[in-house]
PDB file of N, CA and C in Angstrom:
ATOM      1  N   UNK A   1      18.398   2.186 -13.495  1.00  0.00           N
ATOM      2  CA  UNK A   1      17.415   3.300 -13.217  1.00  0.00           C
ATOM      3  C   UNK A   1      17.492   3.465 -11.823  1.00  0.00           C
ATOM      4  N   UNK A   2      17.543   4.798 -11.314  1.00  0.00           N
ATOM      5  CA  UNK A   2      17.555   5.113  -9.957  1.00  0.00           C
ATOM      6  C   UNK A   2      16.378   4.779  -9.189  1.00  0.00           C
ATOM      7  N   UNK A   3      15.185   4.775  -9.786  1.00  0.00           N
ATOM      8  CA  UNK A   3      13.927   4.381  -9.114  1.00  0.00           C
ATOM      9  C   UNK A   3      14.025   2.917  -8.661  1.00  0.00           C
ATOM     10  N   UNK A   4      14.589   1.930  -9.505  1.00  0.00           N
ATOM     11  CA  UNK A   4      14.712   0.512  -9.206  1.00  0.00           C
ATOM     12  C   UNK A   4      15.727   0.263  -8.090  1.00  0.00           C
ATOM     13  N   UNK A   5      16.661   1.057  -8.121  1.00  0.00           N
ATOM     14  CA  UNK A   5      17.856   0.865  -7.124  1.00  0.00           C
ATOM     15  C   UNK A   5      17.330   1.388  -5.704  1.00  0.00           C
ATOM     16  N   UNK A   6      16.545   2.400  -5.782  1.00  0.00           N
ATOM     17  CA  UNK A   6      16.001   2.781  -4.403  1.00  0.00           C
ATOM     18  C   UNK A   6      14.827   1.915  -3.951  1.00  0.00           C
ATOM     19  N   UNK A   7      14.242   1.290  -4.959  1.00  0.00           N
ATOM     20  CA  UNK A   7      13.077   0.284  -4.515  1.00  0.00           C
ATOM     21  C   UNK A   7      13.725  -0.957  -3.943  1.00  0.00           C
ATOM     22  N   UNK A   8      14.938  -1.443  -4.423  1.00  0.00           N
ATOM     23  CA  UNK A   8      15.688  -2.528  -3.967  1.00  0.00           C
ATOM     24  C   UNK A   8      16.201  -2.136  -2.528  1.00  0.00           C
ATOM     25  N   UNK A   9      16.725  -0.927  -2.314  1.00  0.00           N
ATOM     26  CA  UNK A   9      17.157  -0.434  -1.036  1.00  0.00           C
ATOM     27  C   UNK A   9      15.981  -0.508  -0.158  1.00  0.00           C
ATOM     28  N   UNK A  10      14.887  -0.014  -0.549  1.00  0.00           N
ATOM     29  CA  UNK A  10      13.764  -0.063   0.434  1.00  0.00           C
ATOM     30  C   UNK A  10      13.407  -1.453   0.887  1.00  0.00           C
ATOM     31  N   UNK A  11      13.427  -2.428  -0.019  1.00  0.00           N
ATOM     32  CA  UNK A  11      13.138  -3.790   0.374  1.00  0.00           C
ATOM     33  C   UNK A  11      14.218  -4.396   1.186  1.00  0.00           C
ATOM     34  N   UNK A  12      15.517  -4.098   1.046  1.00  0.00           N
ATOM     35  CA  UNK A  12      16.582  -4.591   1.771  1.00  0.00           C
ATOM     36  C   UNK A  12      16.515  -4.065   3.292  1.00  0.00           C
ATOM     37  N   UNK A  13      16.018  -2.728   3.361  1.00  0.00           N
ATOM     38  CA  UNK A  13      15.977  -2.134   4.706  1.00  0.00           C
ATOM     39  C   UNK A  13      14.674  -2.355   5.368  1.00  0.00           C
ATOM     40  N   UNK A  14      13.876  -3.166   4.832  1.00  0.00           N
ATOM     41  CA  UNK A  14      12.512  -3.438   5.292  1.00  0.00           C
ATOM     42  C   UNK A  14      12.408  -4.659   6.084  1.00  0.00           C
ATOM     43  N   UNK A  15      11.565  -4.918   7.097  1.00  0.00           N
ATOM     44  CA  UNK A  15      11.295  -6.044   7.746  1.00  0.00           C
ATOM     45  C   UNK A  15      10.235  -6.814   7.074  1.00  0.00           C
ATOM     46  N   UNK A  16       9.989  -8.041   7.526  1.00  0.00           N
ATOM     47  CA  UNK A  16       8.836  -8.914   7.028  1.00  0.00           C
ATOM     48  C   UNK A  16       7.417  -8.092   7.334  1.00  0.00           C
ATOM     49  N   UNK A  17       7.445  -7.392   8.290  1.00  0.00           N
ATOM     50  CA  UNK A  17       6.236  -6.615   8.820  1.00  0.00           C
ATOM     51  C   UNK A  17       5.945  -5.590   7.706  1.00  0.00           C
ATOM     52  N   UNK A  18       7.084  -4.711   7.254  1.00  0.00           N
ATOM     53  CA  UNK A  18       6.888  -3.656   6.383  1.00  0.00           C
ATOM     54  C   UNK A  18       6.356  -4.210   5.097  1.00  0.00           C
ATOM     55  N   UNK A  19       6.991  -5.438   4.622  1.00  0.00           N
ATOM     56  CA  UNK A  19       6.510  -5.941   3.365  1.00  0.00           C
ATOM     57  C   UNK A  19       5.061  -6.682   3.417  1.00  0.00           C
ATOM     58  N   UNK A  20       4.742  -7.126   4.700  1.00  0.00           N
ATOM     59  CA  UNK A  20       3.402  -7.656   4.702  1.00  0.00           C
ATOM     60  C   UNK A  20       2.395  -6.374   4.641  1.00  0.00           C
ATOM     61  N   UNK A  21       2.789  -5.336   5.310  1.00  0.00           N
ATOM     62  CA  UNK A  21       1.973  -4.093   5.118  1.00  0.00           C
ATOM     63  C   UNK A  21       1.854  -3.586   3.673  1.00  0.00           C
ATOM     64  N   UNK A  22       2.973  -3.651   2.841  1.00  0.00           N
ATOM     65  CA  UNK A  22       2.890  -3.309   1.526  1.00  0.00           C
ATOM     66  C   UNK A  22       1.977  -4.292   0.795  1.00  0.00           C
ATOM     67  N   UNK A  23       1.937  -5.540   1.053  1.00  0.00           N
ATOM     68  CA  UNK A  23       0.994  -6.504   0.437  1.00  0.00           C
ATOM     69  C   UNK A  23      -0.486  -6.143   0.728  1.00  0.00           C
ATOM     70  N   UNK A  24      -0.510  -6.029   2.098  1.00  0.00           N
ATOM     71  CA  UNK A  24      -2.282  -5.590   2.347  1.00  0.00           C
ATOM     72  C   UNK A  24      -2.557  -4.139   1.621  1.00  0.00           C
ATOM     73  N   UNK A  25      -1.707  -3.349   1.683  1.00  0.00           N
ATOM     74  CA  UNK A  25      -1.851  -2.139   0.805  1.00  0.00           C
ATOM     75  C   UNK A  25      -2.269  -2.368  -0.615  1.00  0.00           C
ATOM     76  N   UNK A  26      -1.364  -3.176  -1.251  1.00  0.00           N
ATOM     77  CA  UNK A  26      -1.744  -3.394  -2.782  1.00  0.00           C
ATOM     78  C   UNK A  26      -2.879  -4.227  -2.849  1.00  0.00           C
ATOM     79  N   UNK A  27      -3.085  -5.247  -2.023  1.00  0.00           N
ATOM     80  CA  UNK A  27      -4.355  -6.055  -2.102  1.00  0.00           C
ATOM     81  C   UNK A  27      -5.629  -5.205  -1.836  1.00  0.00           C
ATOM     82  N   UNK A  28      -5.477  -4.240  -0.926  1.00  0.00           N
ATOM     83  CA  UNK A  28      -6.645  -3.338  -0.766  1.00  0.00           C
ATOM     84  C   UNK A  28      -6.920  -2.448  -1.948  1.00  0.00           C
ATOM     85  N   UNK A  29      -5.866  -1.921  -2.434  1.00  0.00           N
ATOM     86  CA  UNK A  29      -6.250  -1.004  -3.629  1.00  0.00           C
ATOM     87  C   UNK A  29      -6.805  -1.914  -4.740  1.00  0.00           C
ATOM     88  N   UNK A  30      -6.309  -3.143  -5.097  1.00  0.00           N
ATOM     89  CA  UNK A  30      -6.702  -4.033  -5.919  1.00  0.00           C
ATOM     90  C   UNK A  30      -8.313  -4.363  -5.733  1.00  0.00           C
ATOM     91  N   UNK A  31      -8.746  -4.643  -4.499  1.00  0.00           N
ATOM     92  CA  UNK A  31     -10.109  -4.737  -4.123  1.00  0.00           C
ATOM     93  C   UNK A  31     -10.915  -3.423  -4.624  1.00  0.00           C
ATOM     94  N   UNK A  32     -10.456  -2.371  -4.202  1.00  0.00           N
ATOM     95  CA  UNK A  32     -11.118  -1.259  -4.463  1.00  0.00           C
ATOM     96  C   UNK A  32     -11.348  -1.007  -6.019  1.00  0.00           C
ATOM     97  N   UNK A  33     -10.345  -1.206  -6.674  1.00  0.00           N
ATOM     98  CA  UNK A  33     -10.450  -1.073  -8.265  1.00  0.00           C
ATOM     99  C   UNK A  33     -11.401  -2.188  -8.865  1.00  0.00           C
ATOM    100  N   UNK A  34     -11.125  -3.541  -8.256  1.00  0.00           N
ATOM    101  CA  UNK A  34     -11.896  -4.573  -8.974  1.00  0.00           C
ATOM    102  C   UNK A  34     -13.308  -5.021  -8.431  1.00  0.00           C
ATOM    103  N   UNK A  35     -13.657  -4.444  -7.412  1.00  0.00           N
ATOM    104  CA  UNK A  35     -14.898  -4.789  -6.698  1.00  0.00           C
ATOM    105  C   UNK A  35     -16.030  -4.445  -7.507  1.00  0.00           C
ATOM    106  N   UNK A  36     -17.013  -5.465  -7.636  1.00  0.00           N
ATOM    107  CA  UNK A  36     -18.197  -5.178  -8.336  1.00  0.00           C
ATOM    108  C   UNK A  36     -19.281  -5.731  -7.476  1.00  0.00           C
ATOM    109  N   UNK A  37     -19.842  -4.735  -6.622  1.00  0.00           N
ATOM    110  CA  UNK A  37     -20.917  -5.044  -5.594  1.00  0.00           C
ATOM    111  C   UNK A  37     -22.279  -4.317  -5.950  1.00  0.00           C
ATOM    112  N   UNK A  38     -23.293  -5.049  -5.313  1.00  0.00           N
ATOM    113  CA  UNK A  38     -24.640  -4.142  -5.439  1.00  0.00           C
ATOM    114  C   UNK A  38     -24.394  -2.761  -4.736  1.00  0.00           C
ATOM    115  N   UNK A  39     -25.209  -1.901  -5.274  1.00  0.00           N
ATOM    116  CA  UNK A  39     -25.112  -0.550  -4.612  1.00  0.00           C
ATOM    117  C   UNK A  39     -25.218  -0.478  -3.123  1.00  0.00           C
ATOM    118  N   UNK A  40     -26.097  -1.324  -2.583  1.00  0.00           N
ATOM    119  CA  UNK A  40     -26.165  -1.353  -1.133  1.00  0.00           C
ATOM    120  C   UNK A  40     -24.987  -1.753  -0.324  1.00  0.00           C
ATOM    121  N   UNK A  41     -24.131  -2.610  -0.931  1.00  0.00           N
ATOM    122  CA  UNK A  41     -22.815  -2.965  -0.259  1.00  0.00           C
ATOM    123  C   UNK A  41     -21.648  -2.201  -0.577  1.00  0.00           C
ATOM    124  N   UNK A  42     -21.640  -1.454  -1.611  1.00  0.00           N
ATOM    125  CA  UNK A  42     -20.624  -0.827  -2.134  1.00  0.00           C
ATOM    126  C   UNK A  42     -19.867   0.211  -1.228  1.00  0.00           C
ATOM    127  N   UNK A  43     -20.693   1.073  -0.610  1.00  0.00           N
ATOM    128  CA  UNK A  43     -20.039   2.110   0.213  1.00  0.00           C
ATOM    129  C   UNK A  43     -19.369   1.507   1.367  1.00  0.00           C
ATOM    130  N   UNK A  44     -19.951   0.540   2.165  1.00  0.00           N
ATOM    131  CA  UNK A  44     -19.184  -0.019   3.379  1.00  0.00           C
ATOM    132  C   UNK A  44     -17.932  -0.681   2.882  1.00  0.00           C
ATOM    133  N   UNK A  45     -17.901  -1.475   1.887  1.00  0.00           N
ATOM    134  CA  UNK A  45     -16.708  -2.070   1.500  1.00  0.00           C
ATOM    135  C   UNK A  45     -15.739  -1.208   1.024  1.00  0.00           C
ATOM    136  N   UNK A  46     -16.084  -0.231   0.194  1.00  0.00           N
ATOM    137  CA  UNK A  46     -15.127   0.665  -0.278  1.00  0.00           C
ATOM    138  C   UNK A  46     -14.641   1.584   1.009  1.00  0.00           C
ATOM    139  N   UNK A  47     -15.325   1.786   1.855  1.00  0.00           N
ATOM    140  CA  UNK A  47     -14.807   2.517   3.167  1.00  0.00           C
ATOM    141  C   UNK A  47     -13.844   1.639   3.820  1.00  0.00           C
ATOM    142  N   UNK A  48     -14.069   0.469   4.080  1.00  0.00           N
ATOM    143  CA  UNK A  48     -13.143  -0.453   4.816  1.00  0.00           C
ATOM    144  C   UNK A  48     -11.851  -0.576   4.143  1.00  0.00           C
ATOM    145  N   UNK A  49     -11.948  -0.905   2.655  1.00  0.00           N
ATOM    146  CA  UNK A  49     -10.708  -1.195   1.975  1.00  0.00           C
ATOM    147  C   UNK A  49      -9.972   0.166   1.727  1.00  0.00           C
ATOM    148  N   UNK A  50     -10.658   1.283   1.711  1.00  0.00           N
ATOM    149  CA  UNK A  50     -10.063   2.560   1.394  1.00  0.00           C
ATOM    150  C   UNK A  50      -9.268   2.894   2.624  1.00  0.00           C
ATOM    151  N   UNK A  51      -9.871   2.607   3.801  1.00  0.00           N
ATOM    152  CA  UNK A  51      -9.205   2.986   5.051  1.00  0.00           C
ATOM    153  C   UNK A  51      -7.849   1.956   5.275  1.00  0.00           C
ATOM    154  N   UNK A  52      -7.943   0.873   4.897  1.00  0.00           N
ATOM    155  CA  UNK A  52      -6.878  -0.128   4.917  1.00  0.00           C
ATOM    156  C   UNK A  52      -5.721   0.497   4.054  1.00  0.00           C
ATOM    157  N   UNK A  53      -5.984   0.826   2.923  1.00  0.00           N
ATOM    158  CA  UNK A  53      -5.136   1.460   1.820  1.00  0.00           C
ATOM    159  C   UNK A  53      -4.515   2.598   2.443  1.00  0.00           C
ATOM    160  N   UNK A  54      -5.151   3.557   2.965  1.00  0.00           N
ATOM    161  CA  UNK A  54      -4.660   4.869   3.383  1.00  0.00           C
ATOM    162  C   UNK A  54      -3.716   4.558   4.627  1.00  0.00           C
ATOM    163  N   UNK A  55      -4.268   3.691   5.549  1.00  0.00           N
ATOM    164  CA  UNK A  55      -3.531   3.450   6.728  1.00  0.00           C
ATOM    165  C   UNK A  55      -2.096   2.697   6.450  1.00  0.00           C
ATOM    166  N   UNK A  56      -2.105   2.031   5.305  1.00  0.00           N
ATOM    167  CA  UNK A  56      -0.765   1.248   4.962  1.00  0.00           C
ATOM    168  C   UNK A  56       0.061   2.142   4.055  1.00  0.00           C
ATOM    169  N   UNK A  57      -0.589   2.836   3.260  1.00  0.00           N
ATOM    170  CA  UNK A  57       0.121   3.483   2.237  1.00  0.00           C
ATOM    171  C   UNK A  57       1.032   4.670   2.709  1.00  0.00           C
ATOM    172  N   UNK A  58       0.465   5.387   3.604  1.00  0.00           N
ATOM    173  CA  UNK A  58       1.117   6.604   4.228  1.00  0.00           C
ATOM    174  C   UNK A  58       2.434   6.184   4.762  1.00  0.00           C
ATOM    175  N   UNK A  59       2.534   5.283   5.892  1.00  0.00           N
ATOM    176  CA  UNK A  59       3.811   5.034   6.336  1.00  0.00           C
ATOM    177  C   UNK A  59       4.841   4.377   5.442  1.00  0.00           C
ATOM    178  N   UNK A  60       4.179   3.503   4.396  1.00  0.00           N
ATOM    179  CA  UNK A  60       4.975   2.888   3.457  1.00  0.00           C
ATOM    180  C   UNK A  60       5.824   3.994   2.498  1.00  0.00           C
ATOM    181  N   UNK A  61       4.938   4.925   1.999  1.00  0.00           N
ATOM    182  CA  UNK A  61       5.568   6.060   1.221  1.00  0.00           C
ATOM    183  C   UNK A  61       6.359   7.014   1.977  1.00  0.00           C
ATOM    184  N   UNK A  62       6.047   7.233   3.353  1.00  0.00           N
ATOM    185  CA  UNK A  62       6.936   7.959   4.188  1.00  0.00           C
ATOM    186  C   UNK A  62       8.301   7.298   4.154  1.00  0.00           C
ATOM    187  N   UNK A  63       8.537   6.089   4.548  1.00  0.00           N
ATOM    188  CA  UNK A  63       9.696   5.238   4.575  1.00  0.00           C
ATOM    189  C   UNK A  63      10.213   5.411   3.259  1.00  0.00           C
ATOM    190  N   UNK A  64       9.557   5.219   2.152  1.00  0.00           N
ATOM    191  CA  UNK A  64      10.370   5.251   0.870  1.00  0.00           C
ATOM    192  C   UNK A  64      10.946   6.633   0.497  1.00  0.00           C
ATOM    193  N   UNK A  65      10.248   7.661   0.830  1.00  0.00           N
ATOM    194  CA  UNK A  65      10.818   8.906   0.582  1.00  0.00           C
ATOM    195  C   UNK A  65      12.012   9.343   1.472  1.00  0.00           C
ATOM    196  N   UNK A  66      11.858   8.839   2.629  1.00  0.00           N
ATOM    197  CA  UNK A  66      13.122   9.030   3.681  1.00  0.00           C
ATOM    198  C   UNK A  66      14.284   8.381   3.069  1.00  0.00           C
ATOM    199  N   UNK A  67      14.130   7.252   2.473  1.00  0.00           N
ATOM    200  CA  UNK A  67      15.227   6.451   1.984  1.00  0.00           C
ATOM    201  C   UNK A  67      15.701   7.260   0.677  1.00  0.00           C
ATOM    202  N   UNK A  68      14.674   7.796  -0.128  1.00  0.00           N
ATOM    203  CA  UNK A  68      15.055   8.511  -1.322  1.00  0.00           C
ATOM    204  C   UNK A  68      15.898   9.607  -1.083  1.00  0.00           C
ATOM    205  N   UNK A  69      15.616  10.444  -0.034  1.00  0.00           N
ATOM    206  CA  UNK A  69      16.208  11.562   0.298  1.00  0.00           C
ATOM    207  C   UNK A  69      17.758  11.235   0.696  1.00  0.00           C
ATOM    208  N   UNK A  70      17.888   9.951   1.172  1.00  0.00           N
ATOM    209  CA  UNK A  70      19.313   9.540   1.549  1.00  0.00           C
ATOM    210  C   UNK A  70      19.609   9.908   2.882  1.00  0.00           C
TER     211      UNK A  70
END
């Protein structure tokens, strides 16, 4: 499947820093989905991890789509 070959190419062309950012990105979205906090704590935690997710997701996907276009 073309998606998997492009994903493999993305990993081959990435440094450990890019892959670490990917892990932070996935970890952050996991916390957003899985967090169960009291209402008073929910907003600040979601804002922090939502920011981490956006800051890591945008450059990761930008690189992926640059590779995808060839």
